[in-house]
Amino acid sequence: MLNGVKIREIRTLKGYTTKDVARFTNISKSYIEELERGTKQNPSFNKIVSIAKVLGTKVDELILD
């Protein structure tokens, strides 16, 4: 399962807004926000990879143990 809190944490450390991540990943801003809030929990692997790439992190870092 995806860790939305970790996405938000890394995103804010990088100085990105949800709009920035949405633009760079071609995923809607509202979808990114839902992932961060935890209301969307099972995005496709391709979306997770895109987000990780934009945030400069590994996919493993975005997954809950």
PDB file of N, CA and C in Angstrom:
ATOM      1  N   MET A   1       0.841  -1.177   0.000  1.00  0.00           N
ATOM      2  CA  MET A   1       0.000   0.000   0.000  1.00  0.00           C
ATOM      3  C   MET A   1       0.890   1.246   0.000  1.00  0.00           C
ATOM      4  N   LEU A   2       0.437   2.264  -0.644  1.00  0.00           N
ATOM      5  CA  LEU A   2       1.180   3.506  -0.785  1.00  0.00           C
ATOM      6  C   LEU A   2       1.129   4.329   0.499  1.00  0.00           C
ATOM      7  N   ASN A   3       2.227   4.979   0.826  1.00  0.00           N
ATOM      8  CA  ASN A   3       2.321   5.830   2.008  1.00  0.00           C
ATOM      9  C   ASN A   3       2.166   7.291   1.594  1.00  0.00           C
ATOM     10  N   GLY A   4       0.948   7.801   1.687  1.00  0.00           N
ATOM     11  CA  GLY A   4       0.660   9.169   1.281  1.00  0.00           C
ATOM     12  C   GLY A   4       1.367  10.206   2.118  1.00  0.00           C
ATOM     13  N   VAL A   5       1.555   9.913   3.398  1.00  0.00           N
ATOM     14  CA  VAL A   5       2.255  10.842   4.283  1.00  0.00           C
ATOM     15  C   VAL A   5       3.699  11.012   3.816  1.00  0.00           C
ATOM     16  N   LYS A   6       4.319   9.927   3.396  1.00  0.00           N
ATOM     17  CA  LYS A   6       5.696   9.974   2.910  1.00  0.00           C
ATOM     18  C   LYS A   6       5.781  10.783   1.616  1.00  0.00           C
ATOM     19  N   ILE A   7       4.799  10.611   0.745  1.00  0.00           N
ATOM     20  CA  ILE A   7       4.774  11.400  -0.492  1.00  0.00           C
ATOM     21  C   ILE A   7       4.729  12.890  -0.152  1.00  0.00           C
ATOM     22  N   ARG A   8       3.830  13.257   0.743  1.00  0.00           N
ATOM     23  CA  ARG A   8       3.698  14.665   1.127  1.00  0.00           C
ATOM     24  C   ARG A   8       4.990  15.175   1.762  1.00  0.00           C
ATOM     25  N   GLU A   9       5.577  14.373   2.618  1.00  0.00           N
ATOM     26  CA  GLU A   9       6.808  14.761   3.302  1.00  0.00           C
ATOM     27  C   GLU A   9       7.942  15.032   2.303  1.00  0.00           C
ATOM     28  N   ILE A  10       8.156  14.110   1.394  1.00  0.00           N
ATOM     29  CA  ILE A  10       9.220  14.276   0.401  1.00  0.00           C
ATOM     30  C   ILE A  10       8.901  15.445  -0.524  1.00  0.00           C
ATOM     31  N   ARG A  11       7.645  15.539  -0.942  1.00  0.00           N
ATOM     32  CA  ARG A  11       7.237  16.619  -1.847  1.00  0.00           C
ATOM     33  C   ARG A  11       7.513  17.987  -1.231  1.00  0.00           C
ATOM     34  N   THR A  12       7.133  18.149   0.031  1.00  0.00           N
ATOM     35  CA  THR A  12       7.327  19.454   0.661  1.00  0.00           C
ATOM     36  C   THR A  12       8.806  19.738   0.917  1.00  0.00           C
ATOM     37  N   LEU A  13       9.579  18.699   1.243  1.00  0.00           N
ATOM     38  CA  LEU A  13      11.025  18.892   1.409  1.00  0.00           C
ATOM     39  C   LEU A  13      11.676  19.357   0.112  1.00  0.00           C
ATOM     40  N   LYS A  14      11.166  18.883  -1.004  1.00  0.00           N
ATOM     41  CA  LYS A  14      11.687  19.277  -2.316  1.00  0.00           C
ATOM     42  C   LYS A  14      11.168  20.647  -2.745  1.00  0.00           C
ATOM     43  N   GLY A  15      10.179  21.166  -2.030  1.00  0.00           N
ATOM     44  CA  GLY A  15       9.607  22.466  -2.375  1.00  0.00           C
ATOM     45  C   GLY A  15       8.578  22.404  -3.488  1.00  0.00           C
ATOM     46  N   TYR A  16       8.045  21.211  -3.743  1.00  0.00           N
ATOM     47  CA  TYR A  16       7.046  21.035  -4.792  1.00  0.00           C
ATOM     48  C   TYR A  16       5.641  21.175  -4.235  1.00  0.00           C
ATOM     49  N   THR A  17       4.758  21.695  -5.043  1.00  0.00           N
ATOM     50  CA  THR A  17       3.335  21.700  -4.721  1.00  0.00           C
ATOM     51  C   THR A  17       2.706  20.460  -5.351  1.00  0.00           C
ATOM     52  N   THR A  18       1.472  20.171  -4.966  1.00  0.00           N
ATOM     53  CA  THR A  18       0.781  19.048  -5.610  1.00  0.00           C
ATOM     54  C   THR A  18       0.582  19.341  -7.094  1.00  0.00           C
ATOM     55  N   LYS A  19       0.438  20.606  -7.423  1.00  0.00           N
ATOM     56  CA  LYS A  19       0.293  20.997  -8.825  1.00  0.00           C
ATOM     57  C   LYS A  19       1.572  20.691  -9.605  1.00  0.00           C
ATOM     58  N   ASP A  20       2.725  20.932  -8.988  1.00  0.00           N
ATOM     59  CA  ASP A  20       4.009  20.615  -9.633  1.00  0.00           C
ATOM     60  C   ASP A  20       4.108  19.120  -9.918  1.00  0.00           C
ATOM     61  N   VAL A  21       3.836  18.307  -8.907  1.00  0.00           N
ATOM     62  CA  VAL A  21       3.922  16.857  -9.068  1.00  0.00           C
ATOM     63  C   VAL A  21       2.938  16.390 -10.132  1.00  0.00           C
ATOM     64  N   ALA A  22       1.746  16.947 -10.112  1.00  0.00           N
ATOM     65  CA  ALA A  22       0.741  16.589 -11.110  1.00  0.00           C
ATOM     66  C   ALA A  22       1.239  16.910 -12.523  1.00  0.00           C
ATOM     67  N   ARG A  23       1.806  18.073 -12.682  1.00  0.00           N
ATOM     68  CA  ARG A  23       2.285  18.484 -14.003  1.00  0.00           C
ATOM     69  C   ARG A  23       3.435  17.591 -14.486  1.00  0.00           C
ATOM     70  N   PHE A  24       4.370  17.281 -13.602  1.00  0.00           N
ATOM     71  CA  PHE A  24       5.529  16.473 -13.983  1.00  0.00           C
ATOM     72  C   PHE A  24       5.192  15.004 -14.219  1.00  0.00           C
ATOM     73  N   THR A  25       4.132  14.507 -13.571  1.00  0.00           N
ATOM     74  CA  THR A  25       3.768  13.090 -13.695  1.00  0.00           C
ATOM     75  C   THR A  25       2.607  12.852 -14.653  1.00  0.00           C
ATOM     76  N   ASN A  26       1.945  13.917 -15.042  1.00  0.00           N
ATOM     77  CA  ASN A  26       0.737  13.799 -15.864  1.00  0.00           C
ATOM     78  C   ASN A  26      -0.370  13.032 -15.129  1.00  0.00           C
ATOM     79  N   ILE A  27      -0.415  13.220 -13.806  1.00  0.00           N
ATOM     80  CA  ILE A  27      -1.467  12.676 -12.944  1.00  0.00           C
ATOM     81  C   ILE A  27      -2.203  13.894 -12.390  1.00  0.00           C
ATOM     82  N   SER A  28      -3.507  13.819 -12.273  1.00  0.00           N
ATOM     83  CA  SER A  28      -4.255  14.997 -11.834  1.00  0.00           C
ATOM     84  C   SER A  28      -3.870  15.423 -10.414  1.00  0.00           C
ATOM     85  N   LYS A  29      -3.964  16.711 -10.174  1.00  0.00           N
ATOM     86  CA  LYS A  29      -3.662  17.293  -8.865  1.00  0.00           C
ATOM     87  C   LYS A  29      -4.559  16.679  -7.800  1.00  0.00           C
ATOM     88  N   SER A  30      -5.820  16.512  -8.114  1.00  0.00           N
ATOM     89  CA  SER A  30      -6.752  15.948  -7.130  1.00  0.00           C
ATOM     90  C   SER A  30      -6.388  14.501  -6.789  1.00  0.00           C
ATOM     91  N   TYR A  31      -5.897  13.757  -7.769  1.00  0.00           N
ATOM     92  CA  TYR A  31      -5.491  12.372  -7.522  1.00  0.00           C
ATOM     93  C   TYR A  31      -4.273  12.341  -6.594  1.00  0.00           C
ATOM     94  N   ILE A  32      -3.309  13.221  -6.830  1.00  0.00           N
ATOM     95  CA  ILE A  32      -2.133  13.327  -5.963  1.00  0.00           C
ATOM     96  C   ILE A  32      -2.574  13.657  -4.538  1.00  0.00           C
ATOM     97  N   GLU A  33      -3.488  14.606  -4.401  1.00  0.00           N
ATOM     98  CA  GLU A  33      -3.982  14.993  -3.082  1.00  0.00           C
ATOM     99  C   GLU A  33      -4.693  13.827  -2.397  1.00  0.00           C
ATOM    100  N   GLU A  34      -5.466  13.056  -3.159  1.00  0.00           N
ATOM    101  CA  GLU A  34      -6.152  11.891  -2.589  1.00  0.00           C
ATOM    102  C   GLU A  34      -5.147  10.829  -2.132  1.00  0.00           C
ATOM    103  N   LEU A  35      -4.076  10.654  -2.879  1.00  0.00           N
ATOM    104  CA  LEU A  35      -3.026   9.718  -2.468  1.00  0.00           C
ATOM    105  C   LEU A  35      -2.398  10.173  -1.153  1.00  0.00           C
ATOM    106  N   GLU A  36      -2.113  11.453  -1.063  1.00  0.00           N
ATOM    107  CA  GLU A  36      -1.497  11.982   0.152  1.00  0.00           C
ATOM    108  C   GLU A  36      -2.412  11.862   1.365  1.00  0.00           C
ATOM    109  N   ARG A  37      -3.704  12.040   1.162  1.00  0.00           N
ATOM    110  CA  ARG A  37      -4.672  11.926   2.261  1.00  0.00           C
ATOM    111  C   ARG A  37      -4.980  10.471   2.603  1.00  0.00           C
ATOM    112  N   GLY A  38      -4.676   9.575   1.688  1.00  0.00           N
ATOM    113  CA  GLY A  38      -4.956   8.171   1.921  1.00  0.00           C
ATOM    114  C   GLY A  38      -6.325   7.730   1.458  1.00  0.00           C
ATOM    115  N   THR A  39      -7.036   8.598   0.743  1.00  0.00           N
ATOM    116  CA  THR A  39      -8.354   8.201   0.239  1.00  0.00           C
ATOM    117  C   THR A  39      -8.243   7.368  -1.035  1.00  0.00           C
ATOM    118  N   LYS A  40      -7.119   7.457  -1.715  1.00  0.00           N
ATOM    119  CA  LYS A  40      -6.779   6.549  -2.827  1.00  0.00           C
ATOM    120  C   LYS A  40      -5.618   5.723  -2.317  1.00  0.00           C
ATOM    121  N   GLN A  41      -5.754   4.407  -2.356  1.00  0.00           N
ATOM    122  CA  GLN A  41      -4.727   3.596  -1.729  1.00  0.00           C
ATOM    123  C   GLN A  41      -4.012   2.639  -2.659  1.00  0.00           C
ATOM    124  N   ASN A  42      -4.533   2.363  -3.799  1.00  0.00           N
ATOM    125  CA  ASN A  42      -3.906   1.388  -4.681  1.00  0.00           C
ATOM    126  C   ASN A  42      -3.734   1.916  -6.109  1.00  0.00           C
ATOM    127  N   PRO A  43      -2.862   2.906  -6.273  1.00  0.00           N
ATOM    128  CA  PRO A  43      -2.618   3.408  -7.628  1.00  0.00           C
ATOM    129  C   PRO A  43      -1.855   2.365  -8.440  1.00  0.00           C
ATOM    130  N   SER A  44      -1.861   2.531  -9.733  1.00  0.00           N
ATOM    131  CA  SER A  44      -1.115   1.612 -10.598  1.00  0.00           C
ATOM    132  C   SER A  44       0.384   1.754 -10.309  1.00  0.00           C
ATOM    133  N   PHE A  45       1.100   0.700 -10.625  1.00  0.00           N
ATOM    134  CA  PHE A  45       2.547   0.718 -10.424  1.00  0.00           C
ATOM    135  C   PHE A  45       3.190   1.832 -11.239  1.00  0.00           C
ATOM    136  N   ASN A  46       2.684   2.063 -12.439  1.00  0.00           N
ATOM    137  CA  ASN A  46       3.230   3.132 -13.289  1.00  0.00           C
ATOM    138  C   ASN A  46       3.101   4.499 -12.628  1.00  0.00           C
ATOM    139  N   LYS A  47       1.991   4.733 -11.935  1.00  0.00           N
ATOM    140  CA  LYS A  47       1.804   6.013 -11.240  1.00  0.00           C
ATOM    141  C   LYS A  47       2.780   6.137 -10.080  1.00  0.00           C
ATOM    142  N   ILE A  48       2.979   5.050  -9.352  1.00  0.00           N
ATOM    143  CA  ILE A  48       3.923   5.078  -8.235  1.00  0.00           C
ATOM    144  C   ILE A  48       5.339   5.359  -8.750  1.00  0.00           C
ATOM    145  N   VAL A  49       5.710   4.712  -9.834  1.00  0.00           N
ATOM    146  CA  VAL A  49       7.033   4.923 -10.430  1.00  0.00           C
ATOM    147  C   VAL A  49       7.188   6.371 -10.872  1.00  0.00           C
ATOM    148  N   SER A  50       6.173   6.933 -11.504  1.00  0.00           N
ATOM    149  CA  SER A  50       6.224   8.332 -11.959  1.00  0.00           C
ATOM    150  C   SER A  50       6.411   9.286 -10.799  1.00  0.00           C
ATOM    151  N   ILE A  51       5.660   9.057  -9.734  1.00  0.00           N
ATOM    152  CA  ILE A  51       5.759   9.931  -8.558  1.00  0.00           C
ATOM    153  C   ILE A  51       7.148   9.807  -7.934  1.00  0.00           C
ATOM    154  N   ALA A  52       7.624   8.587  -7.776  1.00  0.00           N
ATOM    155  CA  ALA A  52       8.954   8.366  -7.190  1.00  0.00           C
ATOM    156  C   ALA A  52      10.030   9.059  -8.017  1.00  0.00           C
ATOM    157  N   LYS A  53       9.922   8.959  -9.326  1.00  0.00           N
ATOM    158  CA  LYS A  53      10.909   9.572 -10.214  1.00  0.00           C
ATOM    159  C   LYS A  53      10.933  11.092 -10.037  1.00  0.00           C
ATOM    160  N   VAL A  54       9.763  11.699 -10.012  1.00  0.00           N
ATOM    161  CA  VAL A  54       9.676  13.153  -9.853  1.00  0.00           C
ATOM    162  C   VAL A  54      10.223  13.584  -8.496  1.00  0.00           C
ATOM    163  N   LEU A  55       9.951  12.782  -7.470  1.00  0.00           N
ATOM    164  CA  LEU A  55      10.405  13.135  -6.128  1.00  0.00           C
ATOM    165  C   LEU A  55      11.862  12.753  -5.882  1.00  0.00           C
ATOM    166  N   GLY A  56      12.467  12.062  -6.845  1.00  0.00           N
ATOM    167  CA  GLY A  56      13.863  11.680  -6.704  1.00  0.00           C
ATOM    168  C   GLY A  56      14.086  10.636  -5.624  1.00  0.00           C
ATOM    169  N   THR A  57      13.153   9.706  -5.504  1.00  0.00           N
ATOM    170  CA  THR A  57      13.252   8.668  -4.492  1.00  0.00           C
ATOM    171  C   THR A  57      12.979   7.306  -5.106  1.00  0.00           C
ATOM    172  N   LYS A  58      13.151   6.273  -4.320  1.00  0.00           N
ATOM    173  CA  LYS A  58      12.874   4.908  -4.780  1.00  0.00           C
ATOM    174  C   LYS A  58      11.430   4.553  -4.485  1.00  0.00           C
ATOM    175  N   VAL A  59      10.871   3.683  -5.301  1.00  0.00           N
ATOM    176  CA  VAL A  59       9.498   3.214  -5.103  1.00  0.00           C
ATOM    177  C   VAL A  59       9.343   2.634  -3.708  1.00  0.00           C
ATOM    178  N   ASP A  60      10.339   1.881  -3.241  1.00  0.00           N
ATOM    179  CA  ASP A  60      10.289   1.262  -1.920  1.00  0.00           C
ATOM    180  C   ASP A  60      10.019   2.278  -0.809  1.00  0.00           C
ATOM    181  N   GLU A  61      10.523   3.492  -0.979  1.00  0.00           N
ATOM    182  CA  GLU A  61      10.353   4.527   0.037  1.00  0.00           C
ATOM    183  C   GLU A  61       8.906   4.994   0.155  1.00  0.00           C
ATOM    184  N   LEU A  62       8.116   4.765  -0.897  1.00  0.00           N
ATOM    185  CA  LEU A  62       6.738   5.234  -0.913  1.00  0.00           C
ATOM    186  C   LEU A  62       5.724   4.163  -0.516  1.00  0.00           C
ATOM    187  N   ILE A  63       6.212   2.971  -0.243  1.00  0.00           N
ATOM    188  CA  ILE A  63       5.334   1.858   0.084  1.00  0.00           C
ATOM    189  C   ILE A  63       5.363   1.605   1.586  1.00  0.00           C
ATOM    190  N   LEU A  64       4.185   1.371   2.164  1.00  0.00           N
ATOM    191  CA  LEU A  64       4.113   1.042   3.595  1.00  0.00           C
ATOM    192  C   LEU A  64       4.622  -0.360   3.820  1.00  0.00           C
ATOM    193  N   ASP A  65       5.310  -0.561   4.929  1.00  0.00           N
ATOM    194  CA  ASP A  65       5.795  -1.902   5.292  1.00  0.00           C
ATOM    195  C   ASP A  65       4.674  -2.751   5.829  1.00  0.00           C
TER     196      ASP A  65
END
